[in-house]
Amino acid sequence: MTLKRTLVGIIRSMEGTSDRAKDPKLKTRYYNLSKERAWEEVSSTLKKIPGYKVLHEVPSVGEIILEKRTTFGRTMDITVSIISVSPVRSAVDMYSASRGSLGDLGSNYRTIMNLFSVLDKKLVKYKTND
């Protein structure tokens, strides 16, 4: 993680992925799976990650809400969105925000990177480079 990311984290307590993200690591991930299959894979994988608690799942919309407690006692809310791009292709985006008024020192960024690394290892054979 860069010094810039830490400095931005002093004032900002949220992070998200998108197609237009300036940081290539925060780009939307695409998988050659149908939305239903991607949902099954992502949901089952997220439930197995220690330290994260699944609060809510909405399969019809494609959203999973997670909660993570940091070592300093702060709570982070993470929303994972699974979007159907085509009948055989899905996209995964994440948004993470810390509760509280001060910045997060980049912990939301690290959380997204951690979750994507786990998903990328699990779904490596389906990942596309878009």
N, C-alpha and C. Protein backbone atom coordinates (compact mmCIF):
# COMPACT_ATOMS: atom_id res chain seq x y z
N MET A 1 0.85 -1.17 0.00
CA MET A 1 0.00 0.00 0.00
C MET A 1 0.89 1.23 0.00
N THR A 2 0.50 2.21 -0.75
CA THR A 2 1.32 3.40 -0.92
C THR A 2 1.05 4.43 0.17
N LEU A 3 1.96 5.36 0.28
CA LEU A 3 1.80 6.46 1.23
C LEU A 3 0.58 7.30 0.85
N LYS A 4 0.37 7.48 -0.45
CA LYS A 4 -0.78 8.25 -0.92
C LYS A 4 -2.08 7.63 -0.42
N ARG A 5 -2.20 6.30 -0.50
CA ARG A 5 -3.40 5.60 -0.07
C ARG A 5 -3.62 5.81 1.43
N THR A 6 -2.57 5.80 2.23
CA THR A 6 -2.68 6.03 3.67
C THR A 6 -3.10 7.46 3.96
N LEU A 7 -2.51 8.42 3.24
CA LEU A 7 -2.86 9.82 3.46
C LEU A 7 -4.31 10.10 3.08
N VAL A 8 -4.78 9.50 1.99
CA VAL A 8 -6.18 9.65 1.59
C VAL A 8 -7.07 9.05 2.67
N GLY A 9 -6.62 7.95 3.26
CA GLY A 9 -7.38 7.27 4.31
C GLY A 9 -7.52 8.06 5.60
N ILE A 10 -6.73 9.11 5.77
CA ILE A 10 -6.85 9.93 6.97
C ILE A 10 -8.19 10.65 6.98
N ILE A 11 -8.63 11.08 5.81
CA ILE A 11 -9.89 11.83 5.75
C ILE A 11 -11.05 11.02 5.18
N ARG A 12 -10.75 9.97 4.45
CA ARG A 12 -11.82 9.20 3.80
C ARG A 12 -12.01 7.86 4.50
N SER A 13 -13.26 7.52 4.78
CA SER A 13 -13.53 6.27 5.49
C SER A 13 -14.36 5.31 4.65
N MET A 14 -14.18 5.36 3.33
CA MET A 14 -14.87 4.42 2.45
C MET A 14 -14.04 4.18 1.20
N GLU A 15 -14.34 3.08 0.54
CA GLU A 15 -13.66 2.74 -0.71
C GLU A 15 -14.59 1.86 -1.53
N GLY A 16 -14.48 1.94 -2.83
CA GLY A 16 -15.34 1.14 -3.69
C GLY A 16 -14.66 0.82 -5.00
N THR A 17 -15.17 -0.21 -5.67
CA THR A 17 -14.65 -0.58 -6.98
C THR A 17 -15.63 -0.14 -8.06
N SER A 18 -15.10 0.04 -9.26
CA SER A 18 -15.96 0.38 -10.41
C SER A 18 -15.17 0.20 -11.69
N ASP A 19 -15.85 0.29 -12.81
CA ASP A 19 -15.19 0.22 -14.12
C ASP A 19 -14.28 1.42 -14.34
N ARG A 20 -14.63 2.56 -13.74
CA ARG A 20 -13.88 3.80 -13.98
C ARG A 20 -12.88 4.11 -12.87
N ALA A 21 -12.54 3.15 -12.03
CA ALA A 21 -11.61 3.41 -10.94
C ALA A 21 -10.23 3.78 -11.49
N LYS A 22 -9.61 4.78 -10.87
CA LYS A 22 -8.28 5.21 -11.32
C LYS A 22 -7.23 4.16 -10.96
N ASP A 23 -7.38 3.55 -9.80
CA ASP A 23 -6.46 2.50 -9.36
C ASP A 23 -6.85 1.19 -10.05
N PRO A 24 -5.94 0.58 -10.81
CA PRO A 24 -6.29 -0.65 -11.52
C PRO A 24 -6.71 -1.79 -10.58
N LYS A 25 -6.25 -1.77 -9.35
CA LYS A 25 -6.62 -2.80 -8.39
C LYS A 25 -8.08 -2.66 -7.94
N LEU A 26 -8.66 -1.48 -8.15
CA LEU A 26 -10.05 -1.24 -7.75
C LEU A 26 -11.01 -1.32 -8.93
N LYS A 27 -10.59 -1.96 -10.01
CA LYS A 27 -11.47 -2.15 -11.17
C LYS A 27 -12.43 -3.30 -10.89
N THR A 28 -13.60 -3.23 -11.48
CA THR A 28 -14.59 -4.30 -11.40
C THR A 28 -13.98 -5.61 -11.89
N ARG A 29 -14.29 -6.72 -11.22
CA ARG A 29 -13.82 -8.03 -11.64
C ARG A 29 -14.91 -8.72 -12.47
N TYR A 30 -14.49 -9.33 -13.57
CA TYR A 30 -15.42 -10.04 -14.45
C TYR A 30 -15.11 -11.52 -14.44
N TYR A 31 -16.16 -12.33 -14.44
CA TYR A 31 -16.01 -13.79 -14.44
C TYR A 31 -16.93 -14.39 -15.49
N ASN A 32 -16.45 -15.42 -16.17
CA ASN A 32 -17.25 -16.12 -17.17
C ASN A 32 -18.15 -17.14 -16.48
N LEU A 33 -19.11 -16.63 -15.74
CA LEU A 33 -20.10 -17.43 -15.02
C LEU A 33 -21.44 -16.74 -15.13
N SER A 34 -22.51 -17.51 -15.14
CA SER A 34 -23.83 -16.90 -15.08
C SER A 34 -24.00 -16.23 -13.71
N LYS A 35 -24.93 -15.31 -13.61
CA LYS A 35 -25.14 -14.60 -12.34
C LYS A 35 -25.47 -15.59 -11.21
N GLU A 36 -26.30 -16.58 -11.50
CA GLU A 36 -26.69 -17.56 -10.48
C GLU A 36 -25.49 -18.37 -10.00
N ARG A 37 -24.66 -18.80 -10.93
CA ARG A 37 -23.47 -19.59 -10.58
C ARG A 37 -22.45 -18.72 -9.84
N ALA A 38 -22.27 -17.49 -10.31
CA ALA A 38 -21.36 -16.56 -9.63
C ALA A 38 -21.85 -16.29 -8.22
N TRP A 39 -23.17 -16.14 -8.06
CA TRP A 39 -23.75 -15.92 -6.73
C TRP A 39 -23.40 -17.08 -5.79
N GLU A 40 -23.60 -18.30 -6.26
CA GLU A 40 -23.30 -19.48 -5.44
C GLU A 40 -21.84 -19.51 -5.02
N GLU A 41 -20.95 -19.29 -5.99
CA GLU A 41 -19.51 -19.34 -5.71
C GLU A 41 -19.07 -18.22 -4.76
N VAL A 42 -19.48 -17.00 -5.05
CA VAL A 42 -19.07 -15.85 -4.23
C VAL A 42 -19.66 -15.95 -2.83
N SER A 43 -20.93 -16.27 -2.74
CA SER A 43 -21.59 -16.38 -1.44
C SER A 43 -20.95 -17.45 -0.56
N SER A 44 -20.73 -18.62 -1.12
CA SER A 44 -20.13 -19.70 -0.32
C SER A 44 -18.70 -19.36 0.08
N THR A 45 -17.95 -18.69 -0.79
CA THR A 45 -16.58 -18.31 -0.48
C THR A 45 -16.54 -17.26 0.63
N LEU A 46 -17.40 -16.25 0.55
CA LEU A 46 -17.39 -15.18 1.55
C LEU A 46 -17.78 -15.71 2.94
N LYS A 47 -18.66 -16.68 2.99
CA LYS A 47 -19.10 -17.23 4.27
C LYS A 47 -17.98 -17.98 4.98
N LYS A 48 -16.97 -18.43 4.23
CA LYS A 48 -15.87 -19.22 4.80
C LYS A 48 -14.69 -18.37 5.27
N ILE A 49 -14.70 -17.08 4.96
CA ILE A 49 -13.57 -16.23 5.31
C ILE A 49 -13.67 -15.83 6.78
N PRO A 50 -12.67 -16.15 7.59
CA PRO A 50 -12.73 -15.80 9.02
C PRO A 50 -12.66 -14.29 9.23
N GLY A 51 -13.40 -13.80 10.22
CA GLY A 51 -13.40 -12.38 10.55
C GLY A 51 -14.50 -11.58 9.88
N TYR A 52 -15.20 -12.20 8.95
CA TYR A 52 -16.30 -11.53 8.25
C TYR A 52 -17.61 -12.21 8.62
N LYS A 53 -18.62 -11.40 8.83
CA LYS A 53 -19.94 -11.91 9.19
C LYS A 53 -20.93 -11.49 8.11
N VAL A 54 -21.63 -12.47 7.53
CA VAL A 54 -22.64 -12.16 6.53
C VAL A 54 -23.89 -11.68 7.26
N LEU A 55 -24.29 -10.43 7.00
CA LEU A 55 -25.47 -9.86 7.65
C LEU A 55 -26.73 -10.08 6.83
N HIS A 56 -26.61 -9.96 5.50
CA HIS A 56 -27.81 -9.98 4.67
C HIS A 56 -27.43 -10.43 3.26
N GLU A 57 -28.31 -11.23 2.66
CA GLU A 57 -28.12 -11.66 1.29
C GLU A 57 -29.42 -11.45 0.51
N VAL A 58 -29.30 -10.91 -0.69
CA VAL A 58 -30.46 -10.72 -1.55
C VAL A 58 -30.11 -11.30 -2.92
N PRO A 59 -30.38 -12.59 -3.14
CA PRO A 59 -30.00 -13.22 -4.41
C PRO A 59 -30.64 -12.58 -5.64
N SER A 60 -31.89 -12.14 -5.53
CA SER A 60 -32.57 -11.56 -6.69
C SER A 60 -31.90 -10.27 -7.17
N VAL A 61 -31.36 -9.51 -6.23
CA VAL A 61 -30.66 -8.26 -6.57
C VAL A 61 -29.18 -8.51 -6.79
N GLY A 62 -28.64 -9.53 -6.15
CA GLY A 62 -27.22 -9.85 -6.28
C GLY A 62 -26.35 -9.12 -5.28
N GLU A 63 -26.86 -8.87 -4.07
CA GLU A 63 -26.08 -8.17 -3.06
C GLU A 63 -25.87 -9.02 -1.81
N ILE A 64 -24.66 -8.93 -1.29
CA ILE A 64 -24.30 -9.57 -0.03
C ILE A 64 -23.73 -8.48 0.86
N ILE A 65 -24.26 -8.36 2.08
CA ILE A 65 -23.78 -7.36 3.03
C ILE A 65 -22.97 -8.10 4.09
N LEU A 66 -21.72 -7.66 4.26
CA LEU A 66 -20.81 -8.25 5.25
C LEU A 66 -20.46 -7.22 6.30
N GLU A 67 -20.03 -7.71 7.44
CA GLU A 67 -19.55 -6.84 8.51
C GLU A 67 -18.22 -7.38 8.98
N LYS A 68 -17.29 -6.48 9.26
CA LYS A 68 -15.99 -6.86 9.78
C LYS A 68 -15.62 -5.92 10.91
N ARG A 69 -15.16 -6.48 12.00
CA ARG A 69 -14.66 -5.67 13.12
C ARG A 69 -13.14 -5.59 13.00
N THR A 70 -12.62 -4.37 13.12
CA THR A 70 -11.18 -4.20 13.05
C THR A 70 -10.56 -4.46 14.41
N THR A 71 -9.24 -4.54 14.45
CA THR A 71 -8.54 -4.78 15.71
C THR A 71 -8.70 -3.61 16.67
N PHE A 72 -9.02 -2.42 16.13
CA PHE A 72 -9.20 -1.25 16.99
C PHE A 72 -10.65 -1.05 17.42
N GLY A 73 -11.52 -2.01 17.08
CA GLY A 73 -12.90 -1.94 17.51
C GLY A 73 -13.86 -1.25 16.57
N ARG A 74 -13.36 -0.75 15.46
CA ARG A 74 -14.26 -0.13 14.48
C ARG A 74 -14.98 -1.20 13.68
N THR A 75 -16.11 -0.84 13.14
CA THR A 75 -16.88 -1.77 12.33
C THR A 75 -16.90 -1.29 10.89
N MET A 76 -16.68 -2.24 9.99
CA MET A 76 -16.72 -1.94 8.56
C MET A 76 -17.89 -2.67 7.94
N ASP A 77 -18.64 -1.97 7.10
CA ASP A 77 -19.75 -2.56 6.36
C ASP A 77 -19.31 -2.71 4.91
N ILE A 78 -19.41 -3.93 4.39
CA ILE A 78 -18.97 -4.22 3.03
C ILE A 78 -20.16 -4.74 2.22
N THR A 79 -20.38 -4.14 1.07
CA THR A 79 -21.43 -4.58 0.16
C THR A 79 -20.78 -5.18 -1.07
N VAL A 80 -21.10 -6.43 -1.36
CA VAL A 80 -20.60 -7.11 -2.55
C VAL A 80 -21.76 -7.24 -3.53
N SER A 81 -21.58 -6.72 -4.73
CA SER A 81 -22.63 -6.75 -5.75
C SER A 81 -22.21 -7.67 -6.89
N ILE A 82 -23.12 -8.56 -7.27
CA ILE A 82 -22.89 -9.46 -8.39
C ILE A 82 -23.89 -9.07 -9.47
N ILE A 83 -23.37 -8.67 -10.63
CA ILE A 83 -24.19 -8.14 -11.70
C ILE A 83 -24.06 -9.01 -12.93
N SER A 84 -25.17 -9.30 -13.57
CA SER A 84 -25.15 -10.07 -14.81
C SER A 84 -24.83 -9.14 -15.97
N VAL A 85 -23.74 -9.44 -16.68
CA VAL A 85 -23.34 -8.65 -17.83
C VAL A 85 -23.92 -9.27 -19.10
N SER A 86 -23.93 -10.57 -19.15
CA SER A 86 -24.53 -11.34 -20.23
C SER A 86 -24.99 -12.67 -19.63
N PRO A 87 -25.66 -13.51 -20.39
CA PRO A 87 -26.12 -14.78 -19.80
C PRO A 87 -25.00 -15.67 -19.24
N VAL A 88 -23.78 -15.50 -19.75
CA VAL A 88 -22.68 -16.34 -19.28
C VAL A 88 -21.53 -15.53 -18.69
N ARG A 89 -21.80 -14.30 -18.29
CA ARG A 89 -20.74 -13.44 -17.76
C ARG A 89 -21.28 -12.55 -16.65
N SER A 90 -20.51 -12.44 -15.56
CA SER A 90 -20.93 -11.64 -14.41
C SER A 90 -19.80 -10.72 -13.98
N ALA A 91 -20.21 -9.64 -13.30
CA ALA A 91 -19.26 -8.68 -12.74
C ALA A 91 -19.44 -8.64 -11.23
N VAL A 92 -18.33 -8.41 -10.51
CA VAL A 92 -18.37 -8.30 -9.06
C VAL A 92 -17.76 -6.97 -8.66
N ASP A 93 -18.53 -6.18 -7.91
CA ASP A 93 -18.07 -4.91 -7.37
C ASP A 93 -18.20 -4.94 -5.86
N MET A 94 -17.38 -4.12 -5.18
CA MET A 94 -17.44 -4.03 -3.72
C MET A 94 -17.42 -2.58 -3.29
N TYR A 95 -18.07 -2.34 -2.17
CA TYR A 95 -18.06 -1.03 -1.52
C TYR A 95 -17.88 -1.29 -0.03
N SER A 96 -16.89 -0.64 0.55
CA SER A 96 -16.60 -0.83 1.97
C SER A 96 -16.55 0.53 2.66
N ALA A 97 -17.22 0.64 3.80
CA ALA A 97 -17.25 1.89 4.55
C ALA A 97 -17.10 1.59 6.03
N SER A 98 -16.36 2.45 6.71
CA SER A 98 -16.16 2.32 8.16
C SER A 98 -17.17 3.18 8.89
N ARG A 99 -17.68 2.66 9.98
CA ARG A 99 -18.57 3.46 10.83
C ARG A 99 -17.70 4.39 11.66
N GLY A 100 -18.19 5.59 11.84
CA GLY A 100 -17.42 6.58 12.62
C GLY A 100 -17.09 7.77 11.76
N SER A 101 -16.51 8.80 12.39
CA SER A 101 -16.31 10.05 11.68
C SER A 101 -14.92 10.21 11.09
N LEU A 102 -13.92 9.61 11.68
CA LEU A 102 -12.56 9.80 11.17
C LEU A 102 -12.26 8.84 10.04
N GLY A 103 -11.14 9.07 9.35
CA GLY A 103 -10.73 8.21 8.25
C GLY A 103 -10.34 6.82 8.72
N ASP A 104 -10.03 5.96 7.78
CA ASP A 104 -9.74 4.56 8.09
C ASP A 104 -8.28 4.18 7.88
N LEU A 105 -7.44 5.11 7.45
CA LEU A 105 -6.02 4.87 7.16
C LEU A 105 -5.83 3.77 6.14
N GLY A 106 -6.77 3.63 5.23
CA GLY A 106 -6.65 2.67 4.15
C GLY A 106 -7.16 1.27 4.46
N SER A 107 -7.83 1.08 5.58
CA SER A 107 -8.27 -0.28 5.92
C SER A 107 -9.39 -0.76 4.99
N ASN A 108 -10.23 0.12 4.48
CA ASN A 108 -11.27 -0.30 3.53
C ASN A 108 -10.63 -0.76 2.23
N TYR A 109 -9.60 -0.09 1.79
CA TYR A 109 -8.86 -0.49 0.60
C TYR A 109 -8.26 -1.88 0.81
N ARG A 110 -7.61 -2.10 1.94
CA ARG A 110 -7.00 -3.39 2.24
C ARG A 110 -8.05 -4.49 2.33
N THR A 111 -9.21 -4.18 2.89
CA THR A 111 -10.29 -5.16 2.99
C THR A 111 -10.76 -5.58 1.60
N ILE A 112 -10.97 -4.63 0.71
CA ILE A 112 -11.39 -4.96 -0.65
C ILE A 112 -10.32 -5.79 -1.36
N MET A 113 -9.06 -5.42 -1.20
CA MET A 113 -7.98 -6.19 -1.82
C MET A 113 -7.94 -7.62 -1.28
N ASN A 114 -8.16 -7.76 0.02
CA ASN A 114 -8.17 -9.09 0.65
C ASN A 114 -9.32 -9.94 0.10
N LEU A 115 -10.51 -9.37 0.04
CA LEU A 115 -11.67 -10.12 -0.45
C LEU A 115 -11.50 -10.49 -1.93
N PHE A 116 -11.01 -9.56 -2.74
CA PHE A 116 -10.80 -9.87 -4.15
C PHE A 116 -9.71 -10.92 -4.34
N SER A 117 -8.67 -10.91 -3.52
CA SER A 117 -7.63 -11.93 -3.67
C SER A 117 -8.19 -13.32 -3.36
N VAL A 118 -9.05 -13.42 -2.35
CA VAL A 118 -9.68 -14.70 -2.03
C VAL A 118 -10.59 -15.15 -3.17
N LEU A 119 -11.41 -14.23 -3.68
CA LEU A 119 -12.32 -14.57 -4.78
C LEU A 119 -11.54 -14.92 -6.06
N ASP A 120 -10.48 -14.17 -6.35
CA ASP A 120 -9.70 -14.44 -7.55
C ASP A 120 -9.03 -15.82 -7.49
N LYS A 121 -8.57 -16.24 -6.31
CA LYS A 121 -7.99 -17.57 -6.16
C LYS A 121 -9.05 -18.65 -6.37
N LYS A 122 -10.23 -18.42 -5.82
CA LYS A 122 -11.31 -19.40 -5.93
C LYS A 122 -11.85 -19.49 -7.36
N LEU A 123 -11.95 -18.36 -8.04
CA LEU A 123 -12.57 -18.30 -9.37
C LEU A 123 -11.54 -18.05 -10.49
N VAL A 124 -10.30 -18.46 -10.27
CA VAL A 124 -9.22 -18.16 -11.22
C VAL A 124 -9.52 -18.67 -12.63
N LYS A 125 -10.15 -19.82 -12.76
CA LYS A 125 -10.41 -20.36 -14.09
C LYS A 125 -11.53 -19.64 -14.84
N TYR A 126 -12.31 -18.82 -14.12
CA TYR A 126 -13.41 -18.08 -14.74
C TYR A 126 -13.11 -16.61 -14.95
N LYS A 127 -11.99 -16.12 -14.39
CA LYS A 127 -11.67 -14.69 -14.42
C LYS A 127 -11.31 -14.25 -15.83
N THR A 128 -11.79 -13.07 -16.21
CA THR A 128 -11.42 -12.47 -17.50
C THR A 128 -10.70 -11.16 -17.22
N ASN A 129 -9.92 -10.73 -18.16
CA ASN A 129 -9.14 -9.49 -18.00
C ASN A 129 -9.76 -8.36 -18.80
N ASP A 130 -10.82 -7.78 -18.27
CA ASP A 130 -11.48 -6.64 -18.93
C ASP A 130 -11.25 -5.38 -18.16
